[in-house]
Amino acid sequence: QVRFVEAGGGLVQAGGSLRLSCAPSKSAYPLNTIGWYRQAPGKQRDLVARITSGGATYYVDSVKGRFTISRDNAKNTVFLQMNSLKPEDTGVYYCREWPIGLWGQGTQVTVSS
């Protein structure tokens, strides 16, 4: 297993969008099922979305219709497109292999009201 590198976070107003990216620290490492997780301030880290090697996706109810997880196999990268962001989406976003993998450093997403 390897750690993944997350990028793309930032500060955005409610209703805005961000696109996060997730790539393995070793470029040739194969992407299996990858999950995006969110850790809100003072809360546990929870799965937000995941995508299999075949492209099947899963979302928690709170992000359905707003977030889209995708993968670019040529770039060996997984993306999380986040639209219609809400203040409750604020947190550090992590990606890793699902169900078990190594945690990276995450990327901070802050949504202001």
N, C-alpha and C. Protein backbone atom coordinates (compact mmCIF):
# COMPACT_ATOMS: atom_id res chain seq x y z
N GLN A 1 0.84 -1.19 0.00
CA GLN A 1 0.00 0.00 0.00
C GLN A 1 0.88 1.24 0.00
N VAL A 2 0.33 2.32 -0.57
CA VAL A 2 1.03 3.59 -0.57
C VAL A 2 0.08 4.68 -0.08
N ARG A 3 0.67 5.79 0.28
CA ARG A 3 -0.15 6.96 0.62
C ARG A 3 -0.55 7.68 -0.65
N PHE A 4 -1.65 8.40 -0.54
CA PHE A 4 -2.12 9.19 -1.67
C PHE A 4 -1.94 10.67 -1.36
N VAL A 5 -1.83 11.46 -2.39
CA VAL A 5 -1.62 12.90 -2.25
C VAL A 5 -2.88 13.61 -2.71
N GLU A 6 -3.46 14.36 -1.79
CA GLU A 6 -4.68 15.11 -2.09
C GLU A 6 -4.34 16.57 -2.40
N ALA A 7 -5.11 17.17 -3.29
CA ALA A 7 -4.90 18.57 -3.65
C ALA A 7 -6.22 19.18 -4.11
N GLY A 8 -6.27 20.50 -4.10
CA GLY A 8 -7.42 21.20 -4.66
C GLY A 8 -8.33 21.87 -3.66
N GLY A 9 -8.03 21.73 -2.39
CA GLY A 9 -8.86 22.37 -1.38
C GLY A 9 -8.69 23.88 -1.37
N GLY A 10 -9.50 24.53 -0.57
CA GLY A 10 -9.41 25.98 -0.47
C GLY A 10 -10.59 26.55 0.27
N LEU A 11 -10.70 27.87 0.19
CA LEU A 11 -11.79 28.60 0.81
C LEU A 11 -12.77 29.03 -0.28
N VAL A 12 -14.04 28.72 -0.07
CA VAL A 12 -15.05 29.05 -1.07
C VAL A 12 -16.33 29.47 -0.36
N GLN A 13 -17.10 30.30 -1.00
CA GLN A 13 -18.39 30.70 -0.44
C GLN A 13 -19.43 29.61 -0.66
N ALA A 14 -20.41 29.61 0.19
CA ALA A 14 -21.51 28.66 0.04
C ALA A 14 -22.10 28.80 -1.36
N GLY A 15 -22.38 27.65 -1.96
CA GLY A 15 -22.87 27.61 -3.33
C GLY A 15 -21.79 27.46 -4.37
N GLY A 16 -20.55 27.60 -3.95
CA GLY A 16 -19.44 27.50 -4.87
C GLY A 16 -19.03 26.06 -5.14
N SER A 17 -17.93 25.93 -5.88
CA SER A 17 -17.44 24.61 -6.30
C SER A 17 -15.94 24.49 -6.08
N LEU A 18 -15.52 23.26 -5.88
CA LEU A 18 -14.11 22.91 -5.82
C LEU A 18 -13.93 21.54 -6.47
N ARG A 19 -12.76 21.31 -6.99
CA ARG A 19 -12.42 20.00 -7.55
C ARG A 19 -11.16 19.50 -6.87
N LEU A 20 -11.31 18.39 -6.17
CA LEU A 20 -10.19 17.78 -5.48
C LEU A 20 -9.58 16.68 -6.34
N SER A 21 -8.28 16.49 -6.18
CA SER A 21 -7.61 15.41 -6.90
C SER A 21 -6.88 14.52 -5.91
N CYS A 22 -6.67 13.29 -6.32
CA CYS A 22 -6.07 12.26 -5.46
C CYS A 22 -5.21 11.38 -6.33
N ALA A 23 -3.92 11.31 -6.04
CA ALA A 23 -3.01 10.50 -6.82
C ALA A 23 -2.08 9.75 -5.89
N PRO A 24 -1.67 8.55 -6.26
CA PRO A 24 -0.75 7.80 -5.41
C PRO A 24 0.62 8.44 -5.36
N SER A 25 1.28 8.31 -4.22
CA SER A 25 2.62 8.90 -4.07
C SER A 25 3.64 8.21 -4.97
N LYS A 26 3.36 6.98 -5.35
CA LYS A 26 4.18 6.28 -6.34
C LYS A 26 3.35 6.22 -7.61
N SER A 27 3.80 6.87 -8.66
CA SER A 27 2.97 7.12 -9.84
C SER A 27 2.47 5.86 -10.51
N ALA A 28 3.21 4.76 -10.42
CA ALA A 28 2.80 3.55 -11.12
C ALA A 28 1.88 2.67 -10.29
N TYR A 29 1.58 3.10 -9.07
CA TYR A 29 0.74 2.27 -8.19
C TYR A 29 -0.66 2.19 -8.78
N PRO A 30 -1.20 0.97 -8.91
CA PRO A 30 -2.52 0.83 -9.52
C PRO A 30 -3.64 1.37 -8.63
N LEU A 31 -4.61 2.02 -9.26
CA LEU A 31 -5.77 2.51 -8.53
C LEU A 31 -6.80 1.41 -8.43
N ASN A 32 -7.07 0.99 -7.23
CA ASN A 32 -8.16 0.04 -7.01
C ASN A 32 -9.39 0.85 -6.57
N THR A 33 -10.17 0.36 -5.64
CA THR A 33 -11.28 1.15 -5.14
C THR A 33 -10.73 2.25 -4.24
N ILE A 34 -11.11 3.48 -4.56
CA ILE A 34 -10.62 4.64 -3.83
C ILE A 34 -11.79 5.36 -3.16
N GLY A 35 -11.58 5.75 -1.95
CA GLY A 35 -12.61 6.48 -1.22
C GLY A 35 -12.13 7.88 -0.86
N TRP A 36 -13.08 8.82 -0.88
CA TRP A 36 -12.85 10.16 -0.35
C TRP A 36 -13.53 10.22 1.01
N TYR A 37 -12.79 10.77 1.97
CA TYR A 37 -13.28 10.88 3.34
C TYR A 37 -13.23 12.34 3.77
N ARG A 38 -14.07 12.67 4.72
CA ARG A 38 -14.10 14.04 5.24
C ARG A 38 -14.05 13.99 6.76
N GLN A 39 -13.23 14.87 7.32
CA GLN A 39 -13.19 15.01 8.77
C GLN A 39 -13.52 16.45 9.12
N ALA A 40 -14.73 16.66 9.60
CA ALA A 40 -15.15 17.98 10.02
C ALA A 40 -14.52 18.29 11.39
N PRO A 41 -14.41 19.56 11.72
CA PRO A 41 -13.81 19.93 13.01
C PRO A 41 -14.51 19.27 14.18
N GLY A 42 -13.73 18.56 14.99
CA GLY A 42 -14.27 17.92 16.18
C GLY A 42 -15.05 16.65 15.93
N LYS A 43 -15.03 16.15 14.70
CA LYS A 43 -15.80 14.96 14.37
C LYS A 43 -14.90 13.87 13.82
N GLN A 44 -15.45 12.69 13.68
CA GLN A 44 -14.68 11.58 13.15
C GLN A 44 -14.57 11.68 11.64
N ARG A 45 -13.65 10.94 11.09
CA ARG A 45 -13.43 10.91 9.65
C ARG A 45 -14.41 9.93 9.03
N ASP A 46 -15.20 10.39 8.08
CA ASP A 46 -16.25 9.57 7.47
C ASP A 46 -16.08 9.48 5.96
N LEU A 47 -16.50 8.35 5.42
CA LEU A 47 -16.50 8.17 3.96
C LEU A 47 -17.56 9.08 3.33
N VAL A 48 -17.17 9.74 2.26
CA VAL A 48 -18.09 10.62 1.53
C VAL A 48 -18.50 10.00 0.20
N ALA A 49 -17.53 9.40 -0.48
CA ALA A 49 -17.79 8.79 -1.78
C ALA A 49 -16.68 7.79 -2.07
N ARG A 50 -16.97 6.85 -2.95
CA ARG A 50 -15.94 5.93 -3.38
C ARG A 50 -16.21 5.50 -4.82
N ILE A 51 -15.15 5.02 -5.47
CA ILE A 51 -15.27 4.58 -6.86
C ILE A 51 -14.41 3.34 -7.03
N THR A 52 -14.97 2.35 -7.71
CA THR A 52 -14.25 1.11 -7.95
C THR A 52 -13.36 1.24 -9.18
N SER A 53 -12.54 0.23 -9.42
CA SER A 53 -11.69 0.23 -10.60
C SER A 53 -12.53 0.21 -11.87
N GLY A 54 -13.74 -0.31 -11.78
CA GLY A 54 -14.62 -0.36 -12.93
C GLY A 54 -15.50 0.87 -13.09
N GLY A 55 -15.40 1.80 -12.13
CA GLY A 55 -16.16 3.04 -12.25
C GLY A 55 -17.46 3.09 -11.49
N ALA A 56 -17.79 2.04 -10.76
CA ALA A 56 -19.01 2.08 -9.95
C ALA A 56 -18.80 3.03 -8.78
N THR A 57 -19.83 3.80 -8.49
CA THR A 57 -19.70 4.85 -7.48
C THR A 57 -20.69 4.67 -6.33
N TYR A 58 -20.33 5.25 -5.21
CA TYR A 58 -21.18 5.29 -4.03
C TYR A 58 -21.03 6.66 -3.39
N TYR A 59 -22.16 7.21 -2.89
CA TYR A 59 -22.14 8.49 -2.21
C TYR A 59 -22.97 8.40 -0.93
N VAL A 60 -22.54 9.12 0.09
CA VAL A 60 -23.40 9.25 1.25
C VAL A 60 -24.54 10.19 0.88
N ASP A 61 -25.64 10.06 1.59
CA ASP A 61 -26.84 10.82 1.23
C ASP A 61 -26.61 12.33 1.23
N SER A 62 -25.78 12.80 2.14
CA SER A 62 -25.62 14.25 2.31
C SER A 62 -24.95 14.92 1.11
N VAL A 63 -24.30 14.16 0.24
CA VAL A 63 -23.61 14.76 -0.90
C VAL A 63 -24.19 14.33 -2.24
N LYS A 64 -25.15 13.44 -2.22
CA LYS A 64 -25.76 12.97 -3.48
C LYS A 64 -26.34 14.14 -4.25
N GLY A 65 -26.06 14.17 -5.55
CA GLY A 65 -26.55 15.24 -6.40
C GLY A 65 -25.67 16.48 -6.39
N ARG A 66 -24.72 16.55 -5.49
CA ARG A 66 -23.81 17.72 -5.42
C ARG A 66 -22.36 17.34 -5.71
N PHE A 67 -21.93 16.17 -5.27
CA PHE A 67 -20.56 15.72 -5.47
C PHE A 67 -20.52 14.65 -6.55
N THR A 68 -19.44 14.63 -7.31
CA THR A 68 -19.22 13.60 -8.31
C THR A 68 -17.80 13.09 -8.19
N ILE A 69 -17.68 11.77 -7.99
CA ILE A 69 -16.36 11.15 -7.95
C ILE A 69 -16.09 10.54 -9.32
N SER A 70 -14.85 10.68 -9.78
CA SER A 70 -14.50 10.14 -11.10
C SER A 70 -13.04 9.74 -11.07
N ARG A 71 -12.63 9.04 -12.11
CA ARG A 71 -11.23 8.64 -12.20
C ARG A 71 -10.74 8.82 -13.62
N ASP A 72 -9.48 9.19 -13.75
CA ASP A 72 -8.82 9.30 -15.04
C ASP A 72 -7.69 8.28 -15.00
N ASN A 73 -7.93 7.15 -15.63
CA ASN A 73 -6.94 6.06 -15.56
C ASN A 73 -5.64 6.43 -16.26
N ALA A 74 -5.71 7.25 -17.29
CA ALA A 74 -4.49 7.66 -17.99
C ALA A 74 -3.60 8.49 -17.07
N LYS A 75 -4.24 9.29 -16.20
CA LYS A 75 -3.49 10.12 -15.26
C LYS A 75 -3.31 9.45 -13.91
N ASN A 76 -3.94 8.27 -13.77
CA ASN A 76 -3.86 7.54 -12.50
C ASN A 76 -4.29 8.42 -11.33
N THR A 77 -5.41 9.11 -11.54
CA THR A 77 -5.89 10.10 -10.58
C THR A 77 -7.39 9.95 -10.38
N VAL A 78 -7.82 10.17 -9.16
CA VAL A 78 -9.24 10.20 -8.84
C VAL A 78 -9.61 11.63 -8.47
N PHE A 79 -10.78 12.05 -8.89
CA PHE A 79 -11.24 13.42 -8.64
C PHE A 79 -12.53 13.41 -7.82
N LEU A 80 -12.74 14.50 -7.11
CA LEU A 80 -14.01 14.72 -6.44
C LEU A 80 -14.47 16.13 -6.79
N GLN A 81 -15.47 16.21 -7.65
CA GLN A 81 -16.05 17.48 -8.03
C GLN A 81 -17.13 17.82 -7.03
N MET A 82 -16.99 18.96 -6.38
CA MET A 82 -17.93 19.35 -5.33
C MET A 82 -18.63 20.63 -5.75
N ASN A 83 -19.93 20.54 -5.96
CA ASN A 83 -20.74 21.69 -6.36
C ASN A 83 -21.74 22.02 -5.26
N SER A 84 -22.30 23.20 -5.35
CA SER A 84 -23.32 23.65 -4.38
C SER A 84 -22.84 23.42 -2.95
N LEU A 85 -21.63 23.83 -2.69
CA LEU A 85 -21.02 23.57 -1.38
C LEU A 85 -21.77 24.29 -0.27
N LYS A 86 -21.81 23.64 0.87
CA LYS A 86 -22.48 24.16 2.06
C LYS A 86 -21.46 24.30 3.20
N PRO A 87 -21.73 25.16 4.15
CA PRO A 87 -20.80 25.29 5.29
C PRO A 87 -20.53 23.95 5.99
N GLU A 88 -21.52 23.08 6.01
CA GLU A 88 -21.33 21.77 6.66
C GLU A 88 -20.42 20.84 5.88
N ASP A 89 -20.00 21.24 4.68
CA ASP A 89 -19.01 20.46 3.92
C ASP A 89 -17.59 20.80 4.35
N THR A 90 -17.44 21.76 5.21
CA THR A 90 -16.12 22.16 5.70
C THR A 90 -15.43 21.01 6.42
N GLY A 91 -14.15 20.85 6.14
CA GLY A 91 -13.37 19.82 6.79
C GLY A 91 -12.10 19.52 6.01
N VAL A 92 -11.35 18.57 6.52
CA VAL A 92 -10.18 18.09 5.79
C VAL A 92 -10.61 16.86 5.01
N TYR A 93 -10.30 16.86 3.74
CA TYR A 93 -10.68 15.77 2.85
C TYR A 93 -9.46 14.90 2.56
N TYR A 94 -9.67 13.62 2.72
CA TYR A 94 -8.62 12.63 2.52
C TYR A 94 -9.08 11.61 1.47
N CYS A 95 -8.12 11.01 0.79
CA CYS A 95 -8.45 9.88 -0.06
C CYS A 95 -7.50 8.73 0.30
N ARG A 96 -7.98 7.55 0.10
CA ARG A 96 -7.16 6.37 0.32
C ARG A 96 -7.88 5.19 -0.30
N GLU A 97 -7.18 4.06 -0.36
CA GLU A 97 -7.80 2.84 -0.85
C GLU A 97 -8.92 2.45 0.13
N TRP A 98 -9.97 1.89 -0.45
CA TRP A 98 -11.10 1.42 0.34
C TRP A 98 -11.16 -0.08 0.27
N PRO A 99 -11.43 -0.79 1.38
CA PRO A 99 -11.78 -0.25 2.69
C PRO A 99 -10.60 0.07 3.61
N ILE A 100 -9.42 -0.39 3.24
CA ILE A 100 -8.27 -0.18 4.12
C ILE A 100 -7.13 0.42 3.31
N GLY A 101 -6.47 1.41 3.89
CA GLY A 101 -5.34 2.03 3.22
C GLY A 101 -4.62 2.99 4.15
N LEU A 102 -3.60 3.62 3.62
CA LEU A 102 -2.82 4.57 4.39
C LEU A 102 -3.38 5.98 4.21
N TRP A 103 -3.36 6.75 5.28
CA TRP A 103 -3.85 8.12 5.20
C TRP A 103 -2.74 9.05 4.72
N GLY A 104 -3.12 10.01 3.88
CA GLY A 104 -2.21 11.07 3.48
C GLY A 104 -2.42 12.27 4.38
N GLN A 105 -1.98 13.43 3.92
CA GLN A 105 -2.08 14.64 4.73
C GLN A 105 -3.41 15.35 4.56
N GLY A 106 -4.15 15.03 3.52
CA GLY A 106 -5.45 15.65 3.31
C GLY A 106 -5.34 17.04 2.73
N THR A 107 -6.51 17.57 2.35
CA THR A 107 -6.58 18.93 1.84
C THR A 107 -7.77 19.63 2.50
N GLN A 108 -7.54 20.84 2.96
CA GLN A 108 -8.55 21.57 3.73
C GLN A 108 -9.57 22.22 2.79
N VAL A 109 -10.83 22.01 3.10
CA VAL A 109 -11.93 22.68 2.40
C VAL A 109 -12.71 23.49 3.43
N THR A 110 -12.83 24.77 3.16
CA THR A 110 -13.58 25.65 4.05
C THR A 110 -14.65 26.36 3.25
N VAL A 111 -15.90 26.21 3.68
CA VAL A 111 -17.02 26.82 2.99
C VAL A 111 -17.61 27.88 3.93
N SER A 112 -17.56 29.11 3.48
CA SER A 112 -18.09 30.20 4.30
C SER A 112 -19.55 30.48 3.96
N SER A 113 -20.28 30.91 4.97
CA SER A 113 -21.72 31.17 4.75
C SER A 113 -21.96 32.59 4.29
